[in-house]
Amino acid sequence: MKRMGIALLVIGLIGFVWASSQRSGYNSVEGALKSTFSSSERSKKEGFETARWVALGAAVVGLALVVAPGKRG
């Protein structure tokens, strides 16, 4: 369980950083205008926001699997 926890933690953190970097493009004036007037850009922005939270959740589950003692026997 510890290996799986470490893998989830790493994947979750990498996914969070990647999704945050993709979403940060929408914080500029140009990105805000694009997401205001284009429904496809708005859905991309919301998709990256959802991906951030899913990745963060995976990292938290991974951390719990690493910290919590495994059941032996």
PDB file of N, CA and C in Angstrom:
ATOM      1  N   MET A   1       0.829  -1.196   0.000  1.00  0.00           N
ATOM      2  CA  MET A   1       0.000   0.000   0.000  1.00  0.00           C
ATOM      3  C   MET A   1       0.871   1.257   0.000  1.00  0.00           C
ATOM      4  N   LYS A   2       2.051   1.133   0.602  1.00  0.00           N
ATOM      5  CA  LYS A   2       2.919   2.298   0.678  1.00  0.00           C
ATOM      6  C   LYS A   2       3.410   2.711  -0.711  1.00  0.00           C
ATOM      7  N   ARG A   3       3.738   1.736  -1.551  1.00  0.00           N
ATOM      8  CA  ARG A   3       4.174   2.057  -2.923  1.00  0.00           C
ATOM      9  C   ARG A   3       3.057   2.726  -3.712  1.00  0.00           C
ATOM     10  N   MET A   4       1.861   2.188  -3.559  1.00  0.00           N
ATOM     11  CA  MET A   4       0.728   2.784  -4.258  1.00  0.00           C
ATOM     12  C   MET A   4       0.469   4.194  -3.733  1.00  0.00           C
ATOM     13  N   GLY A   5       0.627   4.409  -2.451  1.00  0.00           N
ATOM     14  CA  GLY A   5       0.449   5.725  -1.868  1.00  0.00           C
ATOM     15  C   GLY A   5       1.463   6.723  -2.392  1.00  0.00           C
ATOM     16  N   ILE A   6       2.713   6.287  -2.506  1.00  0.00           N
ATOM     17  CA  ILE A   6       3.748   7.167  -3.047  1.00  0.00           C
ATOM     18  C   ILE A   6       3.452   7.497  -4.502  1.00  0.00           C
ATOM     19  N   ALA A   7       3.028   6.490  -5.270  1.00  0.00           N
ATOM     20  CA  ALA A   7       2.697   6.730  -6.677  1.00  0.00           C
ATOM     21  C   ALA A   7       1.532   7.711  -6.809  1.00  0.00           C
ATOM     22  N   LEU A   8       0.494   7.526  -6.004  1.00  0.00           N
ATOM     23  CA  LEU A   8      -0.641   8.452  -6.041  1.00  0.00           C
ATOM     24  C   LEU A   8      -0.238   9.853  -5.628  1.00  0.00           C
ATOM     25  N   LEU A   9       0.613   9.955  -4.644  1.00  0.00           N
ATOM     26  CA  LEU A   9       1.080  11.255  -4.178  1.00  0.00           C
ATOM     27  C   LEU A   9       1.851  11.971  -5.276  1.00  0.00           C
ATOM     28  N   VAL A  10       2.759  11.277  -5.924  1.00  0.00           N
ATOM     29  CA  VAL A  10       3.562  11.886  -6.995  1.00  0.00           C
ATOM     30  C   VAL A  10       2.684  12.257  -8.184  1.00  0.00           C
ATOM     31  N   ILE A  11       1.823  11.341  -8.604  1.00  0.00           N
ATOM     32  CA  ILE A  11       0.938  11.626  -9.740  1.00  0.00           C
ATOM     33  C   ILE A  11       0.006  12.789  -9.419  1.00  0.00           C
ATOM     34  N   GLY A  12      -0.516  12.806  -8.212  1.00  0.00           N
ATOM     35  CA  GLY A  12      -1.406  13.891  -7.811  1.00  0.00           C
ATOM     36  C   GLY A  12      -0.720  15.241  -7.798  1.00  0.00           C
ATOM     37  N   LEU A  13       0.501  15.286  -7.272  1.00  0.00           N
ATOM     38  CA  LEU A  13       1.226  16.558  -7.237  1.00  0.00           C
ATOM     39  C   LEU A  13       1.614  17.037  -8.634  1.00  0.00           C
ATOM     40  N   ILE A  14       2.067  16.118  -9.477  1.00  0.00           N
ATOM     41  CA  ILE A  14       2.408  16.486 -10.849  1.00  0.00           C
ATOM     42  C   ILE A  14       1.164  16.967 -11.589  1.00  0.00           C
ATOM     43  N   GLY A  15       0.059  16.269 -11.414  1.00  0.00           N
ATOM     44  CA  GLY A  15      -1.193  16.679 -12.067  1.00  0.00           C
ATOM     45  C   GLY A  15      -1.675  18.030 -11.575  1.00  0.00           C
ATOM     46  N   PHE A  16      -1.529  18.291 -10.287  1.00  0.00           N
ATOM     47  CA  PHE A  16      -1.943  19.580  -9.732  1.00  0.00           C
ATOM     48  C   PHE A  16      -1.108  20.715 -10.307  1.00  0.00           C
ATOM     49  N   VAL A  17       0.204  20.517 -10.368  1.00  0.00           N
ATOM     50  CA  VAL A  17       1.082  21.559 -10.918  1.00  0.00           C
ATOM     51  C   VAL A  17       0.785  21.782 -12.392  1.00  0.00           C
ATOM     52  N   TRP A  18       0.587  20.710 -13.148  1.00  0.00           N
ATOM     53  CA  TRP A  18       0.304  20.849 -14.581  1.00  0.00           C
ATOM     54  C   TRP A  18      -1.022  21.581 -14.812  1.00  0.00           C
ATOM     55  N   ALA A  19      -2.073  21.161 -14.118  1.00  0.00           N
ATOM     56  CA  ALA A  19      -3.378  21.793 -14.301  1.00  0.00           C
ATOM     57  C   ALA A  19      -3.356  23.247 -13.834  1.00  0.00           C
ATOM     58  N   SER A  20      -2.600  23.541 -12.782  1.00  0.00           N
ATOM     59  CA  SER A  20      -2.490  24.924 -12.317  1.00  0.00           C
ATOM     60  C   SER A  20      -1.785  25.791 -13.350  1.00  0.00           C
ATOM     61  N   SER A  21      -0.751  25.231 -13.983  1.00  0.00           N
ATOM     62  CA  SER A  21      -0.045  26.014 -14.996  1.00  0.00           C
ATOM     63  C   SER A  21      -0.917  26.243 -16.228  1.00  0.00           C
ATOM     64  N   GLN A  22      -1.727  25.253 -16.586  1.00  0.00           N
ATOM     65  CA  GLN A  22      -2.629  25.421 -17.731  1.00  0.00           C
ATOM     66  C   GLN A  22      -3.720  26.437 -17.420  1.00  0.00           C
ATOM     67  N   ARG A  23      -4.216  26.415 -16.208  1.00  0.00           N
ATOM     68  CA  ARG A  23      -5.287  27.321 -15.820  1.00  0.00           C
ATOM     69  C   ARG A  23      -4.791  28.747 -15.633  1.00  0.00           C
ATOM     70  N   SER A  24      -3.533  28.919 -15.299  1.00  0.00           N
ATOM     71  CA  SER A  24      -3.011  30.262 -15.050  1.00  0.00           C
ATOM     72  C   SER A  24      -3.056  31.135 -16.303  1.00  0.00           C
ATOM     73  N   GLY A  25      -3.106  30.537 -17.469  1.00  0.00           N
ATOM     74  CA  GLY A  25      -3.227  31.312 -18.705  1.00  0.00           C
ATOM     75  C   GLY A  25      -4.546  32.064 -18.796  1.00  0.00           C
ATOM     76  N   TYR A  26      -5.529  31.635 -18.039  1.00  0.00           N
ATOM     77  CA  TYR A  26      -6.826  32.297 -18.062  1.00  0.00           C
ATOM     78  C   TYR A  26      -6.912  33.442 -17.048  1.00  0.00           C
ATOM     79  N   ASN A  27      -5.848  33.670 -16.284  1.00  0.00           N
ATOM     80  CA  ASN A  27      -5.849  34.764 -15.321  1.00  0.00           C
ATOM     81  C   ASN A  27      -5.420  36.084 -15.943  1.00  0.00           C
ATOM     82  N   SER A  28      -4.870  36.043 -17.163  1.00  0.00           N
ATOM     83  CA  SER A  28      -4.478  37.274 -17.844  1.00  0.00           C
ATOM     84  C   SER A  28      -5.716  37.948 -18.435  1.00  0.00           C
ATOM     85  N   VAL A  29      -5.536  39.161 -18.917  1.00  0.00           N
ATOM     86  CA  VAL A  29      -6.653  39.899 -19.519  1.00  0.00           C
ATOM     87  C   VAL A  29      -7.133  39.185 -20.773  1.00  0.00           C
ATOM     88  N   GLU A  30      -6.188  38.730 -21.587  1.00  0.00           N
ATOM     89  CA  GLU A  30      -6.559  38.020 -22.815  1.00  0.00           C
ATOM     90  C   GLU A  30      -7.303  36.725 -22.507  1.00  0.00           C
ATOM     91  N   GLY A  31      -6.818  35.988 -21.518  1.00  0.00           N
ATOM     92  CA  GLY A  31      -7.484  34.741 -21.131  1.00  0.00           C
ATOM     93  C   GLY A  31      -8.868  34.978 -20.565  1.00  0.00           C
ATOM     94  N   ALA A  32      -9.007  36.056 -19.789  1.00  0.00           N
ATOM     95  CA  ALA A  32     -10.322  36.381 -19.226  1.00  0.00           C
ATOM     96  C   ALA A  32     -11.308  36.742 -20.334  1.00  0.00           C
ATOM     97  N   LEU A  33     -10.845  37.474 -21.329  1.00  0.00           N
ATOM     98  CA  LEU A  33     -11.728  37.821 -22.448  1.00  0.00           C
ATOM     99  C   LEU A  33     -12.119  36.587 -23.247  1.00  0.00           C
ATOM    100  N   LYS A  34     -11.128  35.717 -23.489  1.00  0.00           N
ATOM    101  CA  LYS A  34     -11.430  34.493 -24.237  1.00  0.00           C
ATOM    102  C   LYS A  34     -12.451  33.638 -23.506  1.00  0.00           C
ATOM    103  N   SER A  35     -12.271  33.487 -22.206  1.00  0.00           N
ATOM    104  CA  SER A  35     -13.199  32.623 -21.459  1.00  0.00           C
ATOM    105  C   SER A  35     -14.556  33.276 -21.266  1.00  0.00           C
ATOM    106  N   THR A  36     -14.624  34.599 -21.391  1.00  0.00           N
ATOM    107  CA  THR A  36     -15.909  35.286 -21.271  1.00  0.00           C
ATOM    108  C   THR A  36     -16.753  35.095 -22.525  1.00  0.00           C
ATOM    109  N   PHE A  37     -16.116  35.210 -23.686  1.00  0.00           N
ATOM    110  CA  PHE A  37     -16.867  35.208 -24.937  1.00  0.00           C
ATOM    111  C   PHE A  37     -16.914  33.859 -25.643  1.00  0.00           C
ATOM    112  N   SER A  38     -16.101  32.920 -25.245  1.00  0.00           N
ATOM    113  CA  SER A  38     -16.064  31.623 -25.922  1.00  0.00           C
ATOM    114  C   SER A  38     -16.473  30.519 -24.946  1.00  0.00           C
ATOM    115  N   SER A  39     -17.496  29.795 -25.311  1.00  0.00           N
ATOM    116  CA  SER A  39     -17.950  28.721 -24.418  1.00  0.00           C
ATOM    117  C   SER A  39     -16.949  27.567 -24.379  1.00  0.00           C
ATOM    118  N   SER A  40     -16.232  27.334 -25.479  1.00  0.00           N
ATOM    119  CA  SER A  40     -15.236  26.259 -25.461  1.00  0.00           C
ATOM    120  C   SER A  40     -14.055  26.618 -24.558  1.00  0.00           C
ATOM    121  N   GLU A  41     -13.642  27.870 -24.572  1.00  0.00           N
ATOM    122  CA  GLU A  41     -12.571  28.306 -23.683  1.00  0.00           C
ATOM    123  C   GLU A  41     -13.033  28.266 -22.218  1.00  0.00           C
ATOM    124  N   ARG A  42     -14.284  28.604 -21.987  1.00  0.00           N
ATOM    125  CA  ARG A  42     -14.832  28.546 -20.629  1.00  0.00           C
ATOM    126  C   ARG A  42     -14.846  27.112 -20.122  1.00  0.00           C
ATOM    127  N   SER A  43     -15.210  26.174 -20.995  1.00  0.00           N
ATOM    128  CA  SER A  43     -15.232  24.776 -20.571  1.00  0.00           C
ATOM    129  C   SER A  43     -13.820  24.248 -20.343  1.00  0.00           C
ATOM    130  N   LYS A  44     -12.832  24.720 -21.117  1.00  0.00           N
ATOM    131  CA  LYS A  44     -11.443  24.336 -20.877  1.00  0.00           C
ATOM    132  C   LYS A  44     -10.982  24.847 -19.518  1.00  0.00           C
ATOM    133  N   LYS A  45     -11.326  26.091 -19.221  1.00  0.00           N
ATOM    134  CA  LYS A  45     -10.941  26.683 -17.931  1.00  0.00           C
ATOM    135  C   LYS A  45     -11.547  25.893 -16.783  1.00  0.00           C
ATOM    136  N   GLU A  46     -12.811  25.553 -16.901  1.00  0.00           N
ATOM    137  CA  GLU A  46     -13.477  24.776 -15.845  1.00  0.00           C
ATOM    138  C   GLU A  46     -12.912  23.363 -15.769  1.00  0.00           C
ATOM    139  N   GLY A  47     -12.531  22.801 -16.906  1.00  0.00           N
ATOM    140  CA  GLY A  47     -11.924  21.471 -16.920  1.00  0.00           C
ATOM    141  C   GLY A  47     -10.587  21.449 -16.195  1.00  0.00           C
ATOM    142  N   PHE A  48      -9.773  22.483 -16.417  1.00  0.00           N
ATOM    143  CA  PHE A  48      -8.494  22.561 -15.714  1.00  0.00           C
ATOM    144  C   PHE A  48      -8.697  22.767 -14.218  1.00  0.00           C
ATOM    145  N   GLU A  49      -9.717  23.533 -13.854  1.00  0.00           N
ATOM    146  CA  GLU A  49     -10.012  23.731 -12.431  1.00  0.00           C
ATOM    147  C   GLU A  49     -10.436  22.414 -11.786  1.00  0.00           C
ATOM    148  N   THR A  50     -11.256  21.646 -12.478  1.00  0.00           N
ATOM    149  CA  THR A  50     -11.678  20.339 -11.971  1.00  0.00           C
ATOM    150  C   THR A  50     -10.491  19.393 -11.878  1.00  0.00           C
ATOM    151  N   ALA A  51      -9.626  19.427 -12.887  1.00  0.00           N
ATOM    152  CA  ALA A  51      -8.442  18.567 -12.874  1.00  0.00           C
ATOM    153  C   ALA A  51      -7.529  18.900 -11.699  1.00  0.00           C
ATOM    154  N   ARG A  52      -7.427  20.175 -11.357  1.00  0.00           N
ATOM    155  CA  ARG A  52      -6.618  20.576 -10.198  1.00  0.00           C
ATOM    156  C   ARG A  52      -7.136  19.912  -8.926  1.00  0.00           C
ATOM    157  N   TRP A  53      -8.456  19.963  -8.730  1.00  0.00           N
ATOM    158  CA  TRP A  53      -9.032  19.408  -7.502  1.00  0.00           C
ATOM    159  C   TRP A  53      -8.963  17.894  -7.477  1.00  0.00           C
ATOM    160  N   VAL A  54      -9.139  17.252  -8.616  1.00  0.00           N
ATOM    161  CA  VAL A  54      -9.033  15.788  -8.676  1.00  0.00           C
ATOM    162  C   VAL A  54      -7.602  15.353  -8.373  1.00  0.00           C
ATOM    163  N   ALA A  55      -6.630  16.060  -8.950  1.00  0.00           N
ATOM    164  CA  ALA A  55      -5.228  15.728  -8.695  1.00  0.00           C
ATOM    165  C   ALA A  55      -4.864  15.965  -7.233  1.00  0.00           C
ATOM    166  N   LEU A  56      -5.376  17.032  -6.666  1.00  0.00           N
ATOM    167  CA  LEU A  56      -5.112  17.302  -5.255  1.00  0.00           C
ATOM    168  C   LEU A  56      -5.729  16.211  -4.375  1.00  0.00           C
ATOM    169  N   GLY A  57      -6.917  15.761  -4.734  1.00  0.00           N
ATOM    170  CA  GLY A  57      -7.552  14.666  -3.998  1.00  0.00           C
ATOM    171  C   GLY A  57      -6.748  13.379  -4.087  1.00  0.00           C
ATOM    172  N   ALA A  58      -6.210  13.090  -5.268  1.00  0.00           N
ATOM    173  CA  ALA A  58      -5.373  11.899  -5.427  1.00  0.00           C
ATOM    174  C   ALA A  58      -4.118  12.006  -4.574  1.00  0.00           C
ATOM    175  N   ALA A  59      -3.539  13.207  -4.506  1.00  0.00           N
ATOM    176  CA  ALA A  59      -2.351  13.399  -3.676  1.00  0.00           C
ATOM    177  C   ALA A  59      -2.669  13.203  -2.197  1.00  0.00           C
ATOM    178  N   VAL A  60      -3.825  13.662  -1.765  1.00  0.00           N
ATOM    179  CA  VAL A  60      -4.215  13.499  -0.359  1.00  0.00           C
ATOM    180  C   VAL A  60      -4.449  12.025  -0.031  1.00  0.00           C
ATOM    181  N   VAL A  61      -5.098  11.304  -0.931  1.00  0.00           N
ATOM    182  CA  VAL A  61      -5.303   9.864  -0.719  1.00  0.00           C
ATOM    183  C   VAL A  61      -3.947   9.157  -0.681  1.00  0.00           C
ATOM    184  N   GLY A  62      -3.042   9.544  -1.575  1.00  0.00           N
ATOM    185  CA  GLY A  62      -1.697   8.965  -1.568  1.00  0.00           C
ATOM    186  C   GLY A  62      -0.973   9.234  -0.265  1.00  0.00           C
ATOM    187  N   LEU A  63      -1.091  10.456   0.237  1.00  0.00           N
ATOM    188  CA  LEU A  63      -0.467  10.798   1.514  1.00  0.00           C
ATOM    189  C   LEU A  63      -1.062   9.969   2.651  1.00  0.00           C
ATOM    190  N   ALA A  64      -2.358   9.769   2.622  1.00  0.00           N
ATOM    191  CA  ALA A  64      -3.004   8.958   3.656  1.00  0.00           C
ATOM    192  C   ALA A  64      -2.522   7.513   3.588  1.00  0.00           C
ATOM    193  N   LEU A  65      -2.318   6.992   2.393  1.00  0.00           N
ATOM    194  CA  LEU A  65      -1.834   5.609   2.258  1.00  0.00           C
ATOM    195  C   LEU A  65      -0.383   5.473   2.721  1.00  0.00           C
ATOM    196  N   VAL A  66       0.390   6.535   2.566  1.00  0.00           N
ATOM    197  CA  VAL A  66       1.786   6.477   3.009  1.00  0.00           C
ATOM    198  C   VAL A  66       1.863   6.603   4.532  1.00  0.00           C
ATOM    199  N   VAL A  67       1.090   7.504   5.094  1.00  0.00           N
ATOM    200  CA  VAL A  67       1.172   7.790   6.532  1.00  0.00           C
ATOM    201  C   VAL A  67       0.464   6.732   7.359  1.00  0.00           C
ATOM    202  N   ALA A  68      -0.699   6.294   6.913  1.00  0.00           N
ATOM    203  CA  ALA A  68      -1.473   5.311   7.689  1.00  0.00           C
ATOM    204  C   ALA A  68      -0.757   3.963   7.665  1.00  0.00           C
ATOM    205  N   PRO A  69      -0.708   3.315   8.809  1.00  0.00           N
ATOM    206  CA  PRO A  69      -0.042   2.008   8.837  1.00  0.00           C
ATOM    207  C   PRO A  69      -0.850   0.969   8.053  1.00  0.00           C
ATOM    208  N   GLY A  70      -0.152   0.137   7.326  1.00  0.00           N
ATOM    209  CA  GLY A  70      -0.804  -0.908   6.556  1.00  0.00           C
ATOM    210  C   GLY A  70      -1.216  -2.067   7.444  1.00  0.00           C
ATOM    211  N   LYS A  71      -2.242  -2.787   7.036  1.00  0.00           N
ATOM    212  CA  LYS A  71      -2.709  -3.950   7.788  1.00  0.00           C
ATOM    213  C   LYS A  71      -1.842  -5.140   7.401  1.00  0.00           C
ATOM    214  N   ARG A  72      -1.229  -5.762   8.354  1.00  0.00           N
ATOM    215  CA  ARG A  72      -0.325  -6.891   8.078  1.00  0.00           C
ATOM    216  C   ARG A  72      -0.935  -8.189   8.626  1.00  0.00           C
ATOM    217  N   GLY A  73      -0.682  -9.212   7.865  1.00  0.00           N
ATOM    218  CA  GLY A  73      -1.101 -10.507   8.363  1.00  0.00           C
ATOM    219  C   GLY A  73      -2.314 -10.942   7.739  1.00  0.00           C
TER     220      GLY A  73
END
